[in-house]
Amino acid sequence: MVHIQMIQEQTMVILKRLLVSFLMIVILVVAIFFMMHLLPGDPFQQYYSPELGNRIAEQVKTKFGLDKPVSIQFIYWLKNIFSGDFGFSLVYKKPVSELISSSITVTLSISLTAFILQIILTIPLGLFLLKHNGKKVDLLIDKLALVIYSAPSFVVAIILIYAGSILTRLFPSSQLYSYNFYEINSIERLFDLLHHLTLPVLTLTITSISFSIRYLRQSLIEISNQEFVTTLRSTGIPENILRRKHILPNALISYITILGLEIGSLLSKTLITEMVFSLPGIGRLMVGSIFTRDYPVIIACVMISGFMVILGNLIADILIARFNPKFSFEVIT
């Protein structure tokens, strides 16, 4: 009976978070649209020359529906957004969805790779630090992680470029692939992409793991000092088994709950990293569109970035509700 009640409570928490996430997306969509309309200037002047007269200008505005009231424009725009039509780029002269689809592939590739590497490296590092808790190596890694976590991601990227590209010339400092990419075979293309993405992925992995390793380390230390661990230790269980089978599983519960929050943080770092390494991802596309005032592309990039952050927070809340129900009931609700 208690188990059924707990499942019902967890389900209600998840449904509430889904509703809140939906409302946040709606607010984001409305805010983006009206903020773009409040900006000064007329970006559609790129489509016509002032010498052509007002008639051409009116034709352009009619074509894009700008001659209608803002409320009607919003309804049309909302309808297009939910049908996957983000409009037409004023600068690139092609559909925004086409630009987004090619850019988001790069963004997701480097961010997901860094996310997976972060998880793979954090757990063994956490166990290593627990084993050497209080020793010089533990304190050194903890302080180093704190310094990296405090530093902006572009600083870490610049250091890696200097060390991995300028000093040692092991990796390219920018771009997604080599100039002769389309002249080589498929296997060589794969290795060329991996070669160019090594430093960006390494940048994201280092900056992300600096937080997760300190969080997991603290959780492992707290659980290792709990009474049930002391009791198990007194029975003669070897420390390695105690750490892997009893301390780590309990610490992973709290670690899993922060992974969703890491998605939003990782996304912001990815956008900056793309700019530093000149990668054709969402970040570079958005910044370039801001400078050229390509409003349809700006709106699409901000919407997708905001949606991914909201999705990350939603995943975090669902994980909390699933693995740490006491925390979720007291905080989320």
Protein backbone atom coordinates (compact mmCIF):
# COMPACT_ATOMS: atom_id res chain seq x y z
CA MET A 1 0.00 0.00 0.00
CA VAL A 2 2.83 2.37 0.90
CA HIS A 3 4.61 1.45 -2.34
CA ILE A 4 1.50 2.25 -4.42
CA GLN A 5 1.10 5.59 -2.63
CA MET A 6 4.75 6.44 -3.31
CA ILE A 7 4.31 5.64 -7.02
CA GLN A 8 1.22 7.85 -7.15
CA GLU A 9 3.07 10.71 -5.46
CA GLN A 10 6.01 10.34 -7.85
CA THR A 11 3.62 10.35 -10.82
CA MET A 12 1.98 13.54 -9.57
CA VAL A 13 5.38 15.21 -9.17
CA ILE A 14 6.35 14.27 -12.74
CA LEU A 15 3.00 15.49 -14.13
CA LYS A 16 3.42 18.80 -12.30
CA ARG A 17 6.89 19.22 -13.74
CA LEU A 18 5.61 18.42 -17.24
CA LEU A 19 2.94 21.10 -16.83
CA VAL A 20 5.45 23.65 -15.52
CA SER A 21 7.85 22.85 -18.37
CA PHE A 22 5.07 23.31 -20.93
CA LEU A 23 4.15 26.68 -19.42
CA MET A 24 7.81 27.74 -19.47
CA ILE A 25 8.04 26.87 -23.17
CA VAL A 26 4.88 28.90 -23.89
CA ILE A 27 6.28 31.89 -21.96
CA LEU A 28 9.59 31.53 -23.81
CA VAL A 29 7.84 31.52 -27.19
CA VAL A 30 5.71 34.58 -26.38
CA ALA A 31 8.65 36.50 -24.88
CA ILE A 32 10.90 35.84 -27.89
CA PHE A 33 8.28 36.99 -30.40
CA PHE A 34 7.40 40.26 -28.71
CA MET A 35 11.00 41.07 -27.76
CA MET A 36 11.99 40.76 -31.42
CA HIS A 37 9.20 43.17 -32.37
CA LEU A 38 10.34 45.69 -29.75
CA LEU A 39 13.85 45.91 -31.18
CA PRO A 40 14.55 49.09 -33.19
CA GLY A 41 15.12 49.07 -36.93
CA ASP A 42 13.69 47.15 -39.86
CA PRO A 43 15.64 43.97 -40.69
CA PHE A 44 13.59 43.50 -43.85
CA GLN A 45 15.33 46.47 -45.46
CA GLN A 46 17.86 43.88 -46.63
CA TYR A 47 15.29 42.71 -49.15
CA TYR A 48 14.85 46.00 -50.94
CA SER A 49 16.75 49.18 -51.72
CA PRO A 50 15.39 52.54 -50.52
CA GLU A 51 15.65 53.76 -54.14
CA LEU A 52 12.95 51.29 -55.22
CA GLY A 53 10.28 53.23 -53.35
CA ASN A 54 7.59 52.44 -50.81
CA ARG A 55 5.66 50.15 -53.16
CA ILE A 56 8.38 47.49 -53.12
CA ALA A 57 8.70 47.84 -49.35
CA GLU A 58 4.96 47.26 -48.93
CA GLN A 59 5.12 44.20 -51.20
CA VAL A 60 7.91 42.72 -49.10
CA LYS A 61 6.01 43.36 -45.86
CA THR A 62 2.85 41.85 -47.35
CA LYS A 63 4.78 38.76 -48.42
CA PHE A 64 5.98 38.19 -44.85
CA GLY A 65 2.66 39.20 -43.25
CA LEU A 66 4.13 42.30 -41.61
CA ASP A 67 1.23 44.45 -42.79
CA LYS A 68 -1.08 42.66 -40.35
CA PRO A 69 -1.58 43.50 -36.63
CA VAL A 70 1.00 42.06 -34.23
CA SER A 71 -1.58 39.75 -32.66
CA ILE A 72 -2.39 38.21 -36.06
CA GLN A 73 1.32 37.93 -36.86
CA PHE A 74 1.83 36.09 -33.59
CA ILE A 75 -0.94 33.57 -34.36
CA TYR A 76 0.52 32.86 -37.81
CA TRP A 77 4.02 32.63 -36.38
CA LEU A 78 2.91 30.27 -33.62
CA LYS A 79 1.16 28.05 -36.15
CA ASN A 80 4.30 27.88 -38.27
CA ILE A 81 6.52 27.17 -35.25
CA PHE A 82 4.46 24.16 -34.14
CA SER A 83 4.51 22.85 -37.71
CA GLY A 84 8.31 23.06 -37.74
CA ASP A 85 8.50 26.13 -39.99
CA PHE A 86 10.86 28.70 -38.44
CA GLY A 87 10.68 30.99 -41.44
CA PHE A 88 13.26 32.11 -43.99
CA SER A 89 16.75 33.41 -43.20
CA LEU A 90 17.26 37.01 -44.26
CA VAL A 91 21.02 36.55 -44.64
CA TYR A 92 21.55 32.96 -45.79
CA LYS A 93 18.51 33.08 -48.11
CA LYS A 94 17.38 29.59 -47.14
CA PRO A 95 14.84 28.04 -44.71
CA VAL A 96 15.82 28.43 -41.06
CA SER A 97 14.96 24.78 -40.36
CA GLU A 98 17.62 23.77 -42.88
CA LEU A 99 20.23 25.90 -41.10
CA ILE A 100 19.20 24.57 -37.70
CA SER A 101 19.26 20.91 -38.76
CA SER A 102 22.86 21.16 -39.99
CA SER A 103 24.04 23.22 -37.01
CA ILE A 104 22.35 21.23 -34.25
CA THR A 105 24.08 18.05 -35.44
CA VAL A 106 27.46 19.56 -34.56
CA THR A 107 26.22 20.92 -31.22
CA LEU A 108 24.65 17.63 -30.13
CA SER A 109 27.65 15.60 -31.29
CA ILE A 110 30.20 17.40 -29.15
CA SER A 111 27.89 17.99 -26.17
CA LEU A 112 26.63 14.38 -25.95
CA THR A 113 30.15 13.00 -26.37
CA ALA A 114 31.39 15.24 -23.56
CA PHE A 115 28.39 14.28 -21.42
CA ILE A 116 29.09 10.55 -21.82
CA LEU A 117 32.81 11.00 -21.16
CA GLN A 118 31.99 13.01 -18.05
CA ILE A 119 29.94 10.13 -16.62
CA ILE A 120 32.53 7.50 -17.58
CA LEU A 121 35.38 9.42 -15.93
CA THR A 122 33.58 10.81 -12.88
CA ILE A 123 32.75 7.47 -11.22
CA PRO A 124 36.27 5.92 -11.18
CA LEU A 125 37.76 9.29 -10.24
CA GLY A 126 35.30 9.59 -7.38
CA LEU A 127 36.23 6.15 -6.06
CA PHE A 128 39.93 7.01 -6.41
CA LEU A 129 39.49 10.20 -4.38
CA LEU A 130 37.49 8.35 -1.73
CA LYS A 131 40.26 5.77 -1.42
CA HIS A 132 42.83 8.54 -0.97
CA ASN A 133 40.57 10.85 1.03
CA GLY A 134 42.54 13.47 2.93
CA LYS A 135 45.82 12.68 1.17
CA LYS A 136 47.80 15.09 -0.99
CA VAL A 137 46.52 13.67 -4.29
CA ASP A 138 42.91 14.03 -3.11
CA LEU A 139 43.37 17.63 -2.02
CA LEU A 140 45.32 18.47 -5.19
CA ILE A 141 42.63 17.12 -7.54
CA ASP A 142 39.89 18.77 -5.48
CA LYS A 143 41.59 22.18 -5.63
CA LEU A 144 42.34 21.76 -9.34
CA ALA A 145 38.69 20.89 -10.02
CA LEU A 146 37.63 24.00 -8.09
CA VAL A 147 39.93 26.21 -10.16
CA ILE A 148 38.68 24.73 -13.44
CA TYR A 149 35.06 25.03 -12.32
CA SER A 150 35.60 28.70 -11.46
CA ALA A 151 37.28 29.49 -14.78
CA PRO A 152 35.18 30.39 -17.85
CA SER A 153 35.02 27.64 -20.45
CA PHE A 154 36.67 29.84 -23.10
CA VAL A 155 39.75 30.17 -20.87
CA VAL A 156 40.07 26.38 -20.67
CA ALA A 157 39.60 26.23 -24.44
CA ILE A 158 42.36 28.78 -25.07
CA ILE A 159 44.76 26.90 -22.76
CA LEU A 160 44.06 23.63 -24.60
CA ILE A 161 44.55 25.33 -27.98
CA TYR A 162 47.90 26.69 -26.82
CA ALA A 163 49.02 23.32 -25.41
CA GLY A 164 47.52 20.97 -27.99
CA SER A 165 47.81 23.03 -31.16
CA ILE A 166 50.42 25.77 -30.87
CA LEU A 167 53.04 24.07 -28.67
CA THR A 168 52.72 20.42 -29.70
CA ARG A 169 50.85 20.79 -33.03
CA LEU A 170 48.95 17.60 -32.25
CA PHE A 171 45.44 18.90 -32.98
CA PRO A 172 43.84 21.57 -35.19
CA SER A 173 42.98 24.80 -33.42
CA SER A 174 39.71 25.42 -35.29
CA GLN A 175 37.20 24.28 -37.93
CA LEU A 176 35.23 21.05 -38.18
CA TYR A 177 37.26 19.32 -40.88
CA SER A 178 40.27 19.75 -43.19
CA TYR A 179 40.24 21.60 -46.51
CA ASN A 180 40.50 18.29 -48.45
CA PHE A 181 37.70 16.60 -46.47
CA TYR A 182 35.61 15.76 -49.53
CA GLU A 183 38.59 14.35 -51.42
CA ILE A 184 39.31 11.54 -48.94
CA ASN A 185 37.50 8.25 -48.24
CA SER A 186 34.90 7.63 -45.51
CA ILE A 187 37.30 6.17 -42.93
CA GLU A 188 39.71 9.06 -43.35
CA ARG A 189 36.80 11.50 -43.03
CA LEU A 190 35.79 9.93 -39.73
CA PHE A 191 39.30 10.23 -38.32
CA ASP A 192 39.56 13.77 -39.65
CA LEU A 193 36.37 14.76 -37.81
CA LEU A 194 37.56 13.08 -34.60
CA HIS A 195 40.90 14.83 -34.94
CA HIS A 196 39.25 18.25 -35.24
CA LEU A 197 36.71 17.61 -32.46
CA THR A 198 39.24 16.35 -29.89
CA LEU A 199 40.03 19.73 -28.34
CA PRO A 200 36.39 20.98 -28.26
CA VAL A 201 35.17 17.76 -26.65
CA LEU A 202 38.10 17.80 -24.22
CA THR A 203 37.24 21.38 -23.28
CA LEU A 204 33.63 20.50 -22.49
CA THR A 205 34.58 17.31 -20.64
CA ILE A 206 37.12 19.04 -18.40
CA THR A 207 34.85 21.98 -17.55
CA SER A 208 31.89 19.67 -16.85
CA ILE A 209 33.72 17.04 -14.85
CA SER A 210 35.19 19.68 -12.56
CA PHE A 211 31.78 20.12 -10.94
CA SER A 212 30.54 16.53 -11.04
CA ILE A 213 33.71 15.08 -9.54
CA ARG A 214 33.56 17.45 -6.56
CA TYR A 215 29.87 16.69 -6.08
CA LEU A 216 30.34 12.91 -6.23
CA ARG A 217 33.43 13.08 -4.02
CA GLN A 218 31.48 14.92 -1.32
CA SER A 219 28.58 12.45 -1.56
CA LEU A 220 30.94 9.48 -1.27
CA ILE A 221 32.64 10.97 1.80
CA GLU A 222 29.32 11.72 3.51
CA ILE A 223 27.97 8.21 2.92
CA SER A 224 31.24 6.57 3.97
CA ASN A 225 30.84 8.25 7.37
CA GLN A 226 27.28 7.05 7.91
CA GLU A 227 26.44 4.51 10.59
CA PHE A 228 25.47 1.63 8.29
CA VAL A 229 28.87 1.83 6.56
CA THR A 230 30.64 1.78 9.91
CA THR A 231 28.63 -1.31 10.86
CA LEU A 232 29.51 -3.07 7.61
CA ARG A 233 33.16 -2.13 8.02
CA SER A 234 33.19 -3.66 11.50
CA THR A 235 32.11 -7.02 10.03
CA GLY A 236 35.40 -7.23 8.16
CA ILE A 237 34.22 -6.42 4.63
CA PRO A 238 37.21 -5.34 2.51
CA GLU A 239 37.34 -1.62 1.78
CA ASN A 240 37.30 -2.10 -2.00
CA ILE A 241 34.07 -4.10 -1.83
CA LEU A 242 32.59 -1.67 0.68
CA ARG A 243 33.31 1.27 -1.61
CA ARG A 244 32.04 -0.38 -4.81
CA LYS A 245 28.99 -2.27 -3.53
CA HIS A 246 27.70 -0.17 -0.65
CA ILE A 247 29.03 3.40 -0.71
CA LEU A 248 29.03 4.05 -4.47
CA PRO A 249 25.44 2.87 -5.22
CA ASN A 250 24.06 5.18 -2.52
CA ALA A 251 26.17 8.12 -3.70
CA LEU A 252 25.07 7.59 -7.30
CA ILE A 253 21.47 8.37 -6.33
CA SER A 254 22.34 11.99 -5.61
CA TYR A 255 24.79 12.11 -8.53
CA ILE A 256 22.15 10.96 -11.03
CA THR A 257 19.82 13.74 -9.94
CA ILE A 258 22.29 16.45 -11.02
CA LEU A 259 22.93 14.99 -14.48
CA GLY A 260 19.77 16.62 -15.84
CA LEU A 261 20.89 19.99 -14.52
CA GLU A 262 24.23 19.45 -16.22
CA ILE A 263 22.49 19.40 -19.62
CA GLY A 264 21.63 23.09 -19.40
CA SER A 265 25.08 24.00 -18.13
CA LEU A 266 26.75 21.88 -20.81
CA LEU A 267 24.68 23.54 -23.53
CA SER A 268 25.83 27.04 -22.55
CA LYS A 269 29.45 25.86 -22.49
CA THR A 270 28.97 24.22 -25.89
CA LEU A 271 27.78 27.47 -27.46
CA ILE A 272 30.89 29.29 -26.20
CA THR A 273 33.20 26.44 -27.23
CA GLU A 274 31.79 26.51 -30.76
CA MET A 275 32.72 30.17 -31.06
CA VAL A 276 36.28 29.60 -29.81
CA PHE A 277 36.93 26.67 -32.17
CA SER A 278 34.92 28.11 -35.11
CA LEU A 279 32.59 25.12 -35.25
CA PRO A 280 29.41 25.47 -37.35
CA GLY A 281 27.03 24.73 -34.48
CA ILE A 282 24.04 26.48 -32.93
CA GLY A 283 26.24 28.83 -30.89
CA ARG A 284 28.19 30.16 -33.85
CA LEU A 285 25.01 30.42 -35.94
CA MET A 286 23.22 32.38 -33.21
CA VAL A 287 26.05 34.84 -32.56
CA GLY A 288 26.55 35.42 -36.28
CA SER A 289 22.82 36.02 -36.71
CA ILE A 290 22.81 38.56 -33.88
CA PHE A 291 25.50 40.61 -35.62
CA THR A 292 23.65 40.47 -38.96
CA ARG A 293 20.21 40.95 -37.32
CA ASP A 294 18.85 37.81 -38.94
CA TYR A 295 15.77 37.72 -36.69
CA PRO A 296 14.20 34.41 -37.86
CA VAL A 297 17.46 32.56 -37.15
CA ILE A 298 17.91 34.31 -33.79
CA ILE A 299 14.41 33.35 -32.71
CA ALA A 300 14.89 29.72 -33.75
CA CYS A 301 18.29 29.41 -32.02
CA VAL A 302 17.04 30.98 -28.78
CA MET A 303 13.94 28.80 -28.81
CA ILE A 304 15.88 25.58 -29.34
CA SER A 305 18.49 26.52 -26.73
CA GLY A 306 15.78 27.42 -24.23
CA PHE A 307 13.89 24.23 -24.98
CA MET A 308 17.00 22.12 -24.36
CA VAL A 309 17.63 23.86 -21.02
CA ILE A 310 14.00 23.33 -19.97
CA LEU A 311 14.25 19.70 -21.08
CA GLY A 312 17.40 19.26 -19.00
CA ASN A 313 15.70 20.67 -15.90
CA LEU A 314 12.70 18.42 -16.53
CA ILE A 315 14.93 15.35 -16.77
CA ALA A 316 16.65 16.39 -13.54
CA ASP A 317 13.31 16.70 -11.72
CA ILE A 318 12.11 13.33 -13.04
CA LEU A 319 15.35 11.69 -11.90
CA ILE A 320 15.00 13.30 -8.49
CA ALA A 321 11.40 12.07 -8.21
CA ARG A 322 12.48 8.57 -9.23
CA PHE A 323 15.68 8.10 -7.23
CA ASN A 324 15.33 10.56 -4.36
CA PRO A 325 11.59 10.88 -3.66
CA LYS A 326 11.97 12.51 -0.23
CA PHE A 327 13.90 15.41 -1.75
CA SER A 328 11.48 15.77 -4.64
CA PHE A 329 8.35 15.90 -2.46
CA GLU A 330 9.82 18.51 -0.12
CA VAL A 331 11.46 20.75 -2.74
CA ILE A 332 9.79 20.29 -6.14
CA THR A 333 6.22 20.33 -4.88
